[in-house]
Amino acid sequence: MKINGPIIKEIISLQNKEKIFNNKLLLFGLALEKGNATLIKVLKEDLNISQEEIISYLKLFEEKEWSTKKDLDLIKKMEKIKIIDIENFQHEIEEVIAHLNAITNSRKKVTESRKKIVQQWLRKGYTLEQFKMVNLFFNHLWEKDPQMSQYIRPETLYNTKFPIRVEEAENAFIDIKKYKKEIKEICEYYDYIFDQIINKNKNLEFSQLGQINMCSYIPFDIQKRITFWLKKEISIKDILFTIKKTIDNWSKKEELIPYISLLKILDAKFLDRLKIAKSIEVKKQKTGTNALENWLNTDTKENN
């Protein structure tokens, strides 16, 4: 790949158009020009460039006819980075199935028939995000129905009704998409606090409590619950504060640890938890604190 003045200007223009921040695309292009795998890995780590982003950058370079076979060979050789077959959508197909497996806790294989099912919709312009919305929404809709849960699979989700399913999922995500950044921040904070208080202090894992890492994917019901409180104009600061205080209080009693979940913390009693958590903070040095803490520790039992 050759980079000169005009191409640099065009890359900067592309960054603005594609909303690629921190000059990631330009820095990646310069590292690619040098053929320096170590530099690319450093950029990937320090700028938090995901595999999906790298693939999208390569697509842009491919479209502009800037990249060469040498550039693609360099990326192929780099550990943990796969190069996409643009025509066959290999990366997208694998990610769609992997996402569905993560949601359903299953091991569905990427068979030739499933490749064709996903590929046909990708060629018609449907996006990875739309597939993931369908996965999340219909898993939420069907997982607790014994008759429908068996149909949470590629053959059903992406059949001839896929366009209708996309429309249903997008309608369900209309409000949620407005708070995408906030939802991610809240889930990442929950993971962090859970890890600090439960995993490290109690030497437990998410899997032992029947939970998953929220950052791997965010279930539809959790996204919907967070959106509900944000629409009520509850601040992120108050949500994060309540998450920390609730996990901290419930973690002090072994029998309450299994009840700790983001969905539970944000249920119908969330405002009560917020109020009590703030009262504890103000009155923690005064008489009556124990009673307030006991309320936090027992209210979960009443609903389980």
Foldseek 3Di string as FASTA:
>chain_A
DDDDDVVLVVQVVVCVVVVPPPCLLVQCVVCLVVLPLVSNVCSCVVVVQDLVNVQVSVVVCVVVVNDDPSSVVSQCPHPPHHHAPVLQRVVLLVVLQVLLCVLVVHDDDSDPVLSVLVRVVVVVPDDSVLSNLLSQPVCVVQVVPPVRNVQSDSCNCRPPCVVVSSVVSCVLCVLLVVCVVLLLVLLQLLLVLCCVQPCVVVVDDQVVLVHDRCNVDPHSVLSVLVSVVVVVVDDSVLLSLLSNQLQNLQSVDPVSNSVDDSCLCSPPCVVVSSVLSVVCVVQVVHPPNVVSSVCSNCPSVVVD
